[in-house]
C-alpha atoms as a PDB file:
ATOM      1  CA  MET A   1       0.000   0.000   0.000  1.00  0.00           C
ATOM      2  CA  VAL A   2       2.675   2.467   1.044  1.00  0.00           C
ATOM      3  CA  PRO A   3       5.015   1.814  -1.929  1.00  0.00           C
ATOM      4  CA  GLN A   4       2.104   2.320  -4.341  1.00  0.00           C
ATOM      5  CA  LEU A   5       1.233   5.617  -2.618  1.00  0.00           C
ATOM      6  CA  VAL A   6       4.823   6.833  -2.884  1.00  0.00           C
ATOM      7  CA  LEU A   7       4.857   5.863  -6.558  1.00  0.00           C
ATOM      8  CA  ASP A   8       1.622   7.748  -7.212  1.00  0.00           C
ATOM      9  CA  ILE A   9       2.969  10.884  -5.518  1.00  0.00           C
ATOM     10  CA  ALA A  10       6.245  10.681  -7.429  1.00  0.00           C
ATOM     11  CA  GLN A  11       4.494  10.292 -10.769  1.00  0.00           C
ATOM     12  CA  THR A  12       2.140  13.186 -10.024  1.00  0.00           C
ATOM     13  CA  LEU A  13       5.042  15.487  -9.129  1.00  0.00           C
ATOM     14  CA  GLN A  14       6.931  14.385 -12.212  1.00  0.00           C
ATOM     15  CA  PHE A  15       3.992  15.115 -14.512  1.00  0.00           C
ATOM     16  CA  ALA A  16       3.314  18.455 -12.831  1.00  0.00           C
ATOM     17  CA  LEU A  17       6.814  19.896 -12.513  1.00  0.00           C
ATOM     18  CA  SER A  18       9.322  18.109 -14.717  1.00  0.00           C
ATOM     19  CA  GLY A  19       8.150  19.388 -18.092  1.00  0.00           C
ATOM     20  CA  GLN A  20       8.059  15.867 -19.489  1.00  0.00           C
ATOM     21  CA  ARG A  21       7.130  15.370 -23.138  1.00  0.00           C
ATOM     22  CA  PHE A  22       3.997  13.248 -23.540  1.00  0.00           C
ATOM     23  CA  ALA A  23       3.371  13.213 -27.258  1.00  0.00           C
ATOM     24  CA  TYR A  24       3.490  15.130 -30.527  1.00  0.00           C
ATOM     25  CA  PHE A  25       0.800  16.722 -32.630  1.00  0.00           C
ATOM     26  CA  ILE A  26       0.829  18.239 -36.090  1.00  0.00           C
ATOM     27  CA  GLN A  27      -0.853  21.538 -36.860  1.00  0.00           C
ATOM     28  CA  ASN A  28      -0.614  23.504 -40.110  1.00  0.00           C
ATOM     29  CA  GLY A  29       2.092  21.177 -41.345  1.00  0.00           C
ATOM     30  CA  LYS A  30       4.316  21.670 -38.285  1.00  0.00           C
ATOM     31  CA  GLN A  31       5.031  19.207 -35.510  1.00  0.00           C
ATOM     32  CA  TYR A  32       4.664  20.352 -31.886  1.00  0.00           C
ATOM     33  CA  GLN A  33       5.477  18.706 -28.559  1.00  0.00           C
ATOM     34  CA  VAL A  34       2.913  18.047 -25.878  1.00  0.00           C
ATOM     35  CA  ILE A  35       4.541  18.964 -22.551  1.00  0.00           C
ATOM     36  CA  GLY A  36       2.747  18.600 -19.243  1.00  0.00           C
ATOM     37  CA  GLN A  37       3.682  21.159 -16.601  1.00  0.00           C
ATOM     38  CA  TYR A  38       1.968  23.556 -14.199  1.00  0.00           C
ATOM     39  CA  ASP A  39       1.924  27.221 -15.071  1.00  0.00           C
ATOM     40  CA  ARG A  40       4.701  29.326 -13.559  1.00  0.00           C
ATOM     41  CA  MET A  41       2.291  31.105 -11.207  1.00  0.00           C
ATOM     42  CA  ASN A  42       1.187  27.751  -9.769  1.00  0.00           C
ATOM     43  CA  ARG A  43       4.667  26.366  -9.037  1.00  0.00           C
ATOM     44  CA  ASN A  44       6.743  29.332  -7.874  1.00  0.00           C
ATOM     45  CA  GLU A  45       6.302  28.884  -4.128  1.00  0.00           C
ATOM     46  CA  PRO A  46       7.084  25.791  -2.009  1.00  0.00           C
ATOM     47  CA  THR A  47       3.570  25.945  -0.596  1.00  0.00           C
ATOM     48  CA  ASP A  48       2.187  25.299  -4.099  1.00  0.00           C
ATOM     49  CA  LEU A  49       3.151  21.646  -3.634  1.00  0.00           C
ATOM     50  CA  THR A  50       0.392  21.168  -1.080  1.00  0.00           C
ATOM     51  CA  SER A  51      -2.273  22.241  -3.598  1.00  0.00           C
ATOM     52  CA  ILE A  52      -1.452  19.402  -5.985  1.00  0.00           C
ATOM     53  CA  PHE A  53      -4.001  16.581  -6.126  1.00  0.00           C
ATOM     54  CA  VAL A  54      -3.057  12.910  -6.361  1.00  0.00           C
ATOM     55  CA  ARG A  55      -5.411  10.279  -7.795  1.00  0.00           C
ATOM     56  CA  ASN A  56      -5.692   7.126  -5.706  1.00  0.00           C
ATOM     57  CA  ASN A  57      -6.394   3.567  -6.825  1.00  0.00           C
ATOM     58  CA  ARG A  58     -10.129   4.221  -6.716  1.00  0.00           C
ATOM     59  CA  GLY A  59      -9.830   7.231  -9.025  1.00  0.00           C
ATOM     60  CA  GLU A  60     -10.436   9.790  -6.270  1.00  0.00           C
ATOM     61  CA  LEU A  61      -8.442  13.058  -6.090  1.00  0.00           C
ATOM     62  CA  ILE A  62      -6.737  13.696  -2.746  1.00  0.00           C
ATOM     63  CA  GLN A  63      -4.946  16.912  -1.944  1.00  0.00           C
ATOM     64  CA  LEU A  64      -1.237  16.363  -1.350  1.00  0.00           C
ATOM     65  CA  ASP A  65      -1.078  18.101   2.020  1.00  0.00           C
ATOM     66  CA  ASN A  66      -3.218  15.267   3.409  1.00  0.00           C
ATOM     67  CA  LEU A  67      -0.528  12.760   2.499  1.00  0.00           C
ATOM     68  CA  ILE A  68       2.801  14.501   3.066  1.00  0.00           C
ATOM     69  CA  GLN A  69       4.466  16.950   5.431  1.00  0.00           C
ATOM     70  CA  VAL A  70       6.587  19.688   3.838  1.00  0.00           C
ATOM     71  CA  GLU A  71       9.836  20.769   5.527  1.00  0.00           C
ATOM     72  CA  GLU A  72      12.188  23.430   4.197  1.00  0.00           C
ATOM     73  CA  GLN A  73      15.887  22.479   4.217  1.00  0.00           C
ATOM     74  CA  SER A  74      18.969  23.981   2.613  1.00  0.00           C
ATOM     75  CA  THR A  75      21.834  22.131   0.986  1.00  0.00           C
ATOM     76  CA  PRO A  76      25.046  23.503  -0.550  1.00  0.00           C
ATOM     77  CA  PRO A  77      25.011  23.860  -4.326  1.00  0.00           C
ATOM     78  CA  GLN A  78      28.136  21.726  -4.532  1.00  0.00           C
ATOM     79  CA  LEU A  79      30.342  19.700  -2.194  1.00  0.00           C
ATOM     80  CA  TYR A  80      34.066  20.423  -2.114  1.00  0.00           C
ATOM     81  CA  HIS A  81      36.616  17.688  -1.495  1.00  0.00           C
ATOM     82  CA  ASN A  82      40.194  17.793  -0.274  1.00  0.00           C
ATOM     83  CA  ASN A  83      42.301  14.635  -0.235  1.00  0.00           C
ATOM     84  CA  ARG A  84      39.110  12.655  -0.946  1.00  0.00           C
ATOM     85  CA  PHE A  85      37.369  14.057   2.131  1.00  0.00           C
ATOM     86  CA  ILE A  86      34.365  16.360   2.137  1.00  0.00           C
ATOM     87  CA  SER A  87      35.757  19.750   3.058  1.00  0.00           C
ATOM     88  CA  ALA A  88      34.729  23.293   3.853  1.00  0.00           C
ATOM     89  CA  THR A  89      36.904  26.323   3.191  1.00  0.00           C
ATOM     90  CA  VAL A  90      37.291  28.942   5.914  1.00  0.00           C
ATOM     91  CA  SER A  91      38.861  32.211   4.832  1.00  0.00           C
ATOM     92  CA  ALA A  92      39.575  35.370   6.796  1.00  0.00           C
ATOM     93  CA  GLY A  93      41.360  38.674   6.461  1.00  0.00           C
ATOM     94  CA  LEU A  94      44.253  39.880   8.583  1.00  0.00           C
ATOM     95  CA  ALA A  95      43.789  42.572  11.184  1.00  0.00           C
ATOM     96  CA  PRO A  96      46.115  45.601  11.023  1.00  0.00           C
ATOM     97  CA  GLY A  97      49.559  44.762  12.336  1.00  0.00           C
ATOM     98  CA  LYS A  98      49.040  40.997  12.150  1.00  0.00           C
ATOM     99  CA  SER A  99      50.979  38.620   9.904  1.00  0.00           C
ATOM    100  CA  ILE A 100      49.971  35.431   8.124  1.00  0.00           C
ATOM    101  CA  GLY A 101      51.808  33.463  10.789  1.00  0.00           C
ATOM    102  CA  ASP A 102      49.662  35.051  13.502  1.00  0.00           C
ATOM    103  CA  GLY A 103      46.543  34.195  11.506  1.00  0.00           C
ATOM    104  CA  ILE A 104      47.609  30.565  11.076  1.00  0.00           C
ATOM    105  CA  ASP A 105      48.297  30.245  14.817  1.00  0.00           C
ATOM    106  CA  ALA A 106      44.902  31.749  15.648  1.00  0.00           C
ATOM    107  CA  MET A 107      43.107  29.363  13.268  1.00  0.00           C
ATOM    108  CA  ASP A 108      44.976  26.389  14.751  1.00  0.00           C
ATOM    109  CA  ASN A 109      43.905  27.395  18.263  1.00  0.00           C
ATOM    110  CA  ILE A 110      40.286  27.751  17.153  1.00  0.00           C
ATOM    111  CA  SER A 111      40.299  24.369  15.404  1.00  0.00           C
ATOM    112  CA  LYS A 112      41.652  22.670  18.541  1.00  0.00           C
ATOM    113  CA  LYS A 113      38.803  24.133  20.608  1.00  0.00           C
ATOM    114  CA  VAL A 114      35.959  23.585  18.119  1.00  0.00           C
ATOM    115  CA  LEU A 115      36.817  20.441  16.121  1.00  0.00           C
ATOM    116  CA  ASP A 116      37.159  16.944  17.506  1.00  0.00           C
ATOM    117  CA  ASP A 117      39.466  14.144  16.389  1.00  0.00           C
ATOM    118  CA  SER A 118      37.232  13.196  13.466  1.00  0.00           C
ATOM    119  CA  PHE A 119      38.144  16.463  11.687  1.00  0.00           C
ATOM    120  CA  SER A 120      41.421  17.379  10.072  1.00  0.00           C
ATOM    121  CA  THR A 121      42.646  20.729   8.785  1.00  0.00           C
ATOM    122  CA  ASP A 122      44.852  21.747   5.897  1.00  0.00           C
ATOM    123  CA  LEU A 123      46.156  25.048   4.601  1.00  0.00           C
ATOM    124  CA  GLY A 124      45.667  26.461   1.145  1.00  0.00           C
ATOM    125  CA  GLY A 125      46.630  29.465  -0.940  1.00  0.00           C
ATOM    126  CA  GLU A 126      48.965  32.032   0.613  1.00  0.00           C
ATOM    127  CA  SER A 127      48.853  30.315   4.005  1.00  0.00           C
ATOM    128  CA  ARG A 128      50.199  27.070   2.558  1.00  0.00           C
ATOM    129  CA  ASP A 129      52.897  28.968   0.641  1.00  0.00           C
ATOM    130  CA  PHE A 130      53.921  30.783   3.816  1.00  0.00           C
ATOM    131  CA  LYS A 131      54.099  27.567   5.828  1.00  0.00           C
ATOM    132  CA  GLU A 132      56.181  25.791   3.200  1.00  0.00           C
ATOM    133  CA  SER A 133      58.468  28.752   2.625  1.00  0.00           C
ATOM    134  CA  SER A 134      59.000  29.183   6.374  1.00  0.00           C
ATOM    135  CA  SER A 135      60.266  25.623   6.763  1.00  0.00           C
ATOM    136  CA  ASN A 136      62.446  25.983   3.671  1.00  0.00           C
ATOM    137  CA  THR A 137      63.812  29.301   4.902  1.00  0.00           C
ATOM    138  CA  LEU A 138      64.771  27.810   8.261  1.00  0.00           C
ATOM    139  CA  PHE A 139      66.638  25.020   6.481  1.00  0.00           C
ATOM    140  CA  ALA A 140      68.372  27.535   4.198  1.00  0.00           C
ATOM    141  CA  PHE A 141      69.350  29.663   7.216  1.00  0.00           C
ATOM    142  CA  ALA A 142      70.894  26.682   9.022  1.00  0.00           C
ATOM    143  CA  LEU A 143      72.659  25.512   5.858  1.00  0.00           C
ATOM    144  CA  ALA A 144      74.088  28.982   5.198  1.00  0.00           C
ATOM    145  CA  LEU A 145      75.309  29.211   8.793  1.00  0.00           C
ATOM    146  CA  LEU A 146      76.993  25.810   8.533  1.00  0.00           C
ATOM    147  CA  LEU A 147      78.595  26.701   5.205  1.00  0.00           C
ATOM    148  CA  ILE A 148      79.973  29.966   6.591  1.00  0.00           C
ATOM    149  CA  TYR A 149      81.399  28.134   9.590  1.00  0.00           C
ATOM    150  CA  LEU A 150      83.148  25.528   7.460  1.00  0.00           C
ATOM    151  CA  LEU A 151      84.629  28.162   5.156  1.00  0.00           C
ATOM    152  CA  LEU A 152      85.895  30.220   8.083  1.00  0.00           C
ATOM    153  CA  ALA A 153      87.303  27.134   9.788  1.00  0.00           C
ATOM    154  CA  ALA A 154      89.267  26.323   6.633  1.00  0.00           C
ATOM    155  CA  GLN A 155      90.434  29.926   6.269  1.00  0.00           C
ATOM    156  CA  PHE A 156      91.569  30.479   9.878  1.00  0.00           C
ATOM    157  CA  GLU A 157      92.601  26.844  10.457  1.00  0.00           C
ATOM    158  CA  SER A 158      90.747  26.981  13.760  1.00  0.00           C
ATOM    159  CA  PHE A 159      87.416  25.893  15.196  1.00  0.00           C
ATOM    160  CA  ILE A 160      87.263  28.682  17.805  1.00  0.00           C
ATOM    161  CA  ASP A 161      87.757  31.753  15.606  1.00  0.00           C
ATOM    162  CA  PRO A 162      84.769  30.953  13.320  1.00  0.00           C
ATOM    163  CA  ILE A 163      82.512  30.656  16.372  1.00  0.00           C
ATOM    164  CA  ILE A 164      83.666  34.092  17.565  1.00  0.00           C
ATOM    165  CA  ILE A 165      82.916  35.552  14.130  1.00  0.00           C
ATOM    166  CA  ILE A 166      79.508  33.864  13.815  1.00  0.00           C
ATOM    167  CA  LEU A 167      78.429  35.452  17.122  1.00  0.00           C
ATOM    168  CA  THR A 168      77.693  38.542  15.032  1.00  0.00           C
ATOM    169  CA  VAL A 169      74.757  36.672  13.418  1.00  0.00           C
ATOM    170  CA  PRO A 170      72.547  36.413  16.561  1.00  0.00           C
ATOM    171  CA  MET A 171      73.122  40.111  17.199  1.00  0.00           C
ATOM    172  CA  ALA A 172      72.098  40.944  13.636  1.00  0.00           C
ATOM    173  CA  VAL A 173      68.992  38.744  13.847  1.00  0.00           C
ATOM    174  CA  ALA A 174      68.002  40.433  17.112  1.00  0.00           C
ATOM    175  CA  GLY A 175      68.381  43.804  15.415  1.00  0.00           C
ATOM    176  CA  ALA A 176      66.286  42.575  12.486  1.00  0.00           C
ATOM    177  CA  PHE A 177      63.381  41.502  14.715  1.00  0.00           C
ATOM    178  CA  PHE A 178      63.596  44.722  16.712  1.00  0.00           C
ATOM    179  CA  SER A 179      63.465  46.758  13.506  1.00  0.00           C
ATOM    180  CA  LEU A 180      60.441  44.832  12.238  1.00  0.00           C
ATOM    181  CA  TRP A 181      58.634  45.453  15.506  1.00  0.00           C
ATOM    182  CA  LEU A 182      59.661  49.117  15.571  1.00  0.00           C
ATOM    183  CA  PHE A 183      58.335  49.844  12.070  1.00  0.00           C
ATOM    184  CA  GLY A 184      55.273  47.621  12.310  1.00  0.00           C
ATOM    185  CA  GLN A 185      56.348  45.113   9.661  1.00  0.00           C
ATOM    186  CA  THR A 186      55.539  41.405   9.573  1.00  0.00           C
ATOM    187  CA  TRP A 187      57.717  38.315   9.430  1.00  0.00           C
ATOM    188  CA  ASN A 188      57.144  37.318   5.807  1.00  0.00           C
ATOM    189  CA  ILE A 189      59.092  35.671   3.019  1.00  0.00           C
ATOM    190  CA  PHE A 190      60.929  38.888   2.121  1.00  0.00           C
ATOM    191  CA  SER A 191      62.064  39.549   5.679  1.00  0.00           C
ATOM    192  CA  GLN A 192      63.169  35.918   5.925  1.00  0.00           C
ATOM    193  CA  ILE A 193      65.316  36.311   2.800  1.00  0.00           C
ATOM    194  CA  GLY A 194      66.797  39.479   4.292  1.00  0.00           C
ATOM    195  CA  THR A 195      67.678  37.575   7.450  1.00  0.00           C
ATOM    196  CA  ILE A 196      69.564  34.954   5.430  1.00  0.00           C
ATOM    197  CA  MET A 197      71.430  37.747   3.643  1.00  0.00           C
ATOM    198  CA  LEU A 198      72.529  39.099   7.021  1.00  0.00           C
ATOM    199  CA  ILE A 199      74.664  35.990   7.608  1.00  0.00           C
ATOM    200  CA  GLY A 200      77.047  37.017   4.860  1.00  0.00           C
ATOM    201  CA  LEU A 201      76.731  40.756   5.426  1.00  0.00           C
ATOM    202  CA  VAL A 202      77.556  40.956   9.138  1.00  0.00           C
ATOM    203  CA  THR A 203      80.157  38.216   9.501  1.00  0.00           C
ATOM    204  CA  LYS A 204      82.639  40.414   7.594  1.00  0.00           C
ATOM    205  CA  ASN A 205      82.831  42.644  10.701  1.00  0.00           C
ATOM    206  CA  GLY A 206      84.088  39.773  12.790  1.00  0.00           C
ATOM    207  CA  ILE A 207      86.416  38.607  10.021  1.00  0.00           C
ATOM    208  CA  LEU A 208      88.089  42.028   9.803  1.00  0.00           C
ATOM    209  CA  ILE A 209      88.721  42.196  13.544  1.00  0.00           C
ATOM    210  CA  VAL A 210      89.702  38.571  14.212  1.00  0.00           C
ATOM    211  CA  GLU A 211      91.996  38.294  11.193  1.00  0.00           C
ATOM    212  CA  PHE A 212      93.932  41.438  12.092  1.00  0.00           C
ATOM    213  CA  ALA A 213      94.131  40.381  15.744  1.00  0.00           C
ATOM    214  CA  ASN A 214      95.588  37.008  14.706  1.00  0.00           C
ATOM    215  CA  GLN A 215      98.216  38.770  12.613  1.00  0.00           C
ATOM    216  CA  LEU A 216      99.231  40.923  15.568  1.00  0.00           C
ATOM    217  CA  LYS A 217      99.247  37.897  17.842  1.00  0.00           C
ATOM    218  CA  GLU A 218     101.623  36.093  15.487  1.00  0.00           C
ATOM    219  CA  LYS A 219     104.002  39.029  15.812  1.00  0.00           C
ATOM    220  CA  GLY A 220     104.146  38.515  19.567  1.00  0.00           C
ATOM    221  CA  GLU A 221     101.403  40.829  20.783  1.00  0.00           C
ATOM    222  CA  PRO A 222      99.423  39.694  23.847  1.00  0.00           C
ATOM    223  CA  VAL A 223      95.830  38.689  23.203  1.00  0.00           C
ATOM    224  CA  ALA A 224      94.273  41.707  24.952  1.00  0.00           C
ATOM    225  CA  SER A 225      96.567  44.171  23.215  1.00  0.00           C
ATOM    226  CA  ALA A 226      96.119  42.491  19.813  1.00  0.00           C
ATOM    227  CA  ILE A 227      92.326  42.546  19.875  1.00  0.00           C
ATOM    228  CA  ARG A 228      92.261  46.144  21.140  1.00  0.00           C
ATOM    229  CA  LYS A 229      94.531  47.339  18.349  1.00  0.00           C
ATOM    230  CA  ALA A 230      92.570  45.292  15.803  1.00  0.00           C
ATOM    231  CA  ALA A 231      89.281  46.893  16.868  1.00  0.00           C
ATOM    232  CA  GLU A 232      90.802  50.361  16.589  1.00  0.00           C
ATOM    233  CA  ALA A 233      92.452  49.713  13.234  1.00  0.00           C
ATOM    234  CA  ARG A 234      89.385  48.051  11.655  1.00  0.00           C
ATOM    235  CA  LEU A 235      86.866  50.592  12.907  1.00  0.00           C
ATOM    236  CA  ARG A 236      86.960  52.674   9.718  1.00  0.00           C
ATOM    237  CA  PRO A 237      86.553  49.725   7.272  1.00  0.00           C
ATOM    238  CA  ILE A 238      83.703  48.329   9.379  1.00  0.00           C
ATOM    239  CA  LEU A 239      81.931  51.699   9.446  1.00  0.00           C
ATOM    240  CA  MET A 240      82.378  52.213   5.708  1.00  0.00           C
ATOM    241  CA  THR A 241      81.101  48.775   4.678  1.00  0.00           C
ATOM    242  CA  SER A 242      78.202  48.752   7.157  1.00  0.00           C
ATOM    243  CA  LEU A 243      76.984  52.199   6.157  1.00  0.00           C
ATOM    244  CA  ALA A 244      77.320  51.305   2.476  1.00  0.00           C
ATOM    245  CA  ILE A 245      75.139  48.220   2.996  1.00  0.00           C
ATOM    246  CA  ALA A 246      72.553  50.196   4.981  1.00  0.00           C
ATOM    247  CA  LEU A 247      72.372  52.976   2.386  1.00  0.00           C
ATOM    248  CA  GLY A 248      72.159  50.433  -0.413  1.00  0.00           C
ATOM    249  CA  ALA A 249      69.109  48.827   1.205  1.00  0.00           C
ATOM    250  CA  LEU A 250      67.494  52.171   2.013  1.00  0.00           C
ATOM    251  CA  PRO A 251      65.441  52.372  -1.238  1.00  0.00           C
ATOM    252  CA  ILE A 252      63.972  48.947  -0.483  1.00  0.00           C
ATOM    253  CA  ALA A 253      63.062  49.994   3.059  1.00  0.00           C
ATOM    254  CA  LEU A 254      61.447  53.211   1.806  1.00  0.00           C
ATOM    255  CA  ALA A 255      59.384  51.192  -0.716  1.00  0.00           C
ATOM    256  CA  ILE A 256      60.531  53.309  -3.658  1.00  0.00           C
ATOM    257  CA  GLY A 257      59.353  51.895  -6.975  1.00  0.00           C
ATOM    258  CA  ALA A 258      56.489  49.845  -8.327  1.00  0.00           C
ATOM    259  CA  ALA A 259      55.229  47.002  -6.125  1.00  0.00           C
ATOM    260  CA  ALA A 260      57.985  47.760  -3.598  1.00  0.00           C
ATOM    261  CA  LYS A 261      55.657  47.804  -0.595  1.00  0.00           C
ATOM    262  CA  SER A 262      55.846  44.025  -0.213  1.00  0.00           C
ATOM    263  CA  ARG A 263      59.664  44.089  -0.185  1.00  0.00           C
ATOM    264  CA  MET A 264      59.796  46.756   2.507  1.00  0.00           C
ATOM    265  CA  GLY A 265      60.460  44.180   5.229  1.00  0.00           C
ATOM    266  CA  MET A 266      63.620  42.977   3.493  1.00  0.00           C
ATOM    267  CA  GLY A 267      65.157  46.455   3.494  1.00  0.00           C
ATOM    268  CA  ILE A 268      64.221  47.083   7.123  1.00  0.00           C
ATOM    269  CA  VAL A 269      65.754  43.753   8.168  1.00  0.00           C
ATOM    270  CA  ILE A 270      69.006  44.467   6.335  1.00  0.00           C
ATOM    271  CA  ILE A 271      69.370  48.016   7.665  1.00  0.00           C
ATOM    272  CA  GLY A 272      68.334  47.209  11.228  1.00  0.00           C
ATOM    273  CA  GLY A 273      70.410  44.045  11.451  1.00  0.00           C
ATOM    274  CA  THR A 274      73.501  45.693   9.957  1.00  0.00           C
ATOM    275  CA  LEU A 275      73.415  48.768  12.201  1.00  0.00           C
ATOM    276  CA  PHE A 276      72.579  46.761  15.316  1.00  0.00           C
ATOM    277  CA  SER A 277      75.417  44.358  14.620  1.00  0.00           C
ATOM    278  CA  LEU A 278      77.754  47.265  13.848  1.00  0.00           C
ATOM    279  CA  VAL A 279      77.356  48.715  17.328  1.00  0.00           C
ATOM    280  CA  LEU A 280      77.562  45.428  19.242  1.00  0.00           C
ATOM    281  CA  THR A 281      80.370  43.906  17.177  1.00  0.00           C
ATOM    282  CA  LEU A 282      82.875  46.498  18.378  1.00  0.00           C
ATOM    283  CA  TYR A 283      82.210  45.443  21.994  1.00  0.00           C
ATOM    284  CA  VAL A 284      81.157  41.783  21.920  1.00  0.00           C
ATOM    285  CA  ILE A 285      83.731  40.393  19.488  1.00  0.00           C
ATOM    286  CA  PRO A 286      86.773  41.826  21.353  1.00  0.00           C
ATOM    287  CA  ALA A 287      85.391  40.614  24.678  1.00  0.00           C
ATOM    288  CA  ILE A 288      84.731  37.074  23.430  1.00  0.00           C
ATOM    289  CA  TYR A 289      88.086  36.991  21.617  1.00  0.00           C
ATOM    290  CA  SER A 290      89.899  37.958  24.826  1.00  0.00           C
ATOM    291  CA  LEU A 291      88.197  35.100  26.701  1.00  0.00           C
ATOM    292  CA  TRP A 292      88.408  32.313  24.133  1.00  0.00           C
ATOM    293  CA  SER A 293      91.514  33.019  22.102  1.00  0.00           C
ATOM    294  CA  LYS A 294      94.730  31.465  23.350  1.00  0.00           C
ATOM    295  CA  PRO A 295      98.163  33.080  22.985  1.00  0.00           C
ATOM    296  CA  LEU A 296     100.502  31.486  20.489  1.00  0.00           C
ATOM    297  CA  LYS A 297     103.213  29.295  21.956  1.00  0.00           C
ATOM    298  CA  SER A 298     106.694  30.594  21.248  1.00  0.00           C
ATOM    299  CA  PRO A 299     108.934  27.996  19.619  1.00  0.00           C
ATOM    300  CA  SER A 300     111.330  26.360  22.076  1.00  0.00           C
ATOM    301  CA  PRO A 301     115.001  27.025  21.364  1.00  0.00           C
ATOM    302  CA  SER A 302     116.966  24.151  19.906  1.00  0.00           C
ATOM    303  CA  LYS A 303     119.263  22.357  22.272  1.00  0.00           C
ATOM    304  CA  ASN A 304     121.935  21.684  19.705  1.00  0.00           C
ATOM    305  CA  ASN A 305     123.101  24.777  17.889  1.00  0.00           C
ATOM    306  CA  GLU A 306     124.598  24.127  14.522  1.00  0.00           C
ATOM    307  CA  LYS A 307     127.999  25.628  13.985  1.00  0.00           C
END
């Protein structure tokens, strides 16, 4: 009984709303289609469904609202999938002074509070690019630092002197982050590239001081006297090179040129890191060199003098 009723209702709705073709007829030598469908004014509203009549097995017409209950529901026009799972995309804009990294952290915190273990999240668009580039940038930073250390170790034939020189890098990175905070810039891909550039730009300060101090130490100067004279003698070259680097990056920091606003962070990182390292290098490097560097051993005189 029930399956036949459902079939009757389905057929009635199909005839009334689907615009099905029933037959053809010919008039004035032209063939026309016979299409069964309610007029537009009788099928525009959802409540019009209840006014449709269904014929039962005895040939009686029964109004549809006596047989069914109408409920309004909404469904998405299409279902999106990600990695074969049904997905929903959540997008948001950044507040003033916030970076993409801050937005990703905020979304992660929200997902941990709202979603259970049956849900998983994934990044897309600029957020995914930022996440991937951040991990790649960290690897590039570590690789560049290791490469600089190995080159300096081969040049100075020492494992201590390269460490003293590389101490300029943390000072430059601290200056870079302070400059970004001071000028309201974000930690983005351009500022990350600028931070990697600082490894090669600021280590030359330590190289100038340590190399000259080693030369004086080989001539018999004490460690404290050698590093003090080296800092005084290399002050002018360090000032000249550091100021040249800062002035060279000034157009980038001022965002001069087309589409230069996005690269503004790179210039600020280079200028801030270089100047910050310039000031601290003249104090930190001599102090660390005095503590870690060992005086050269004078060659012992030969017991047997050749005649």
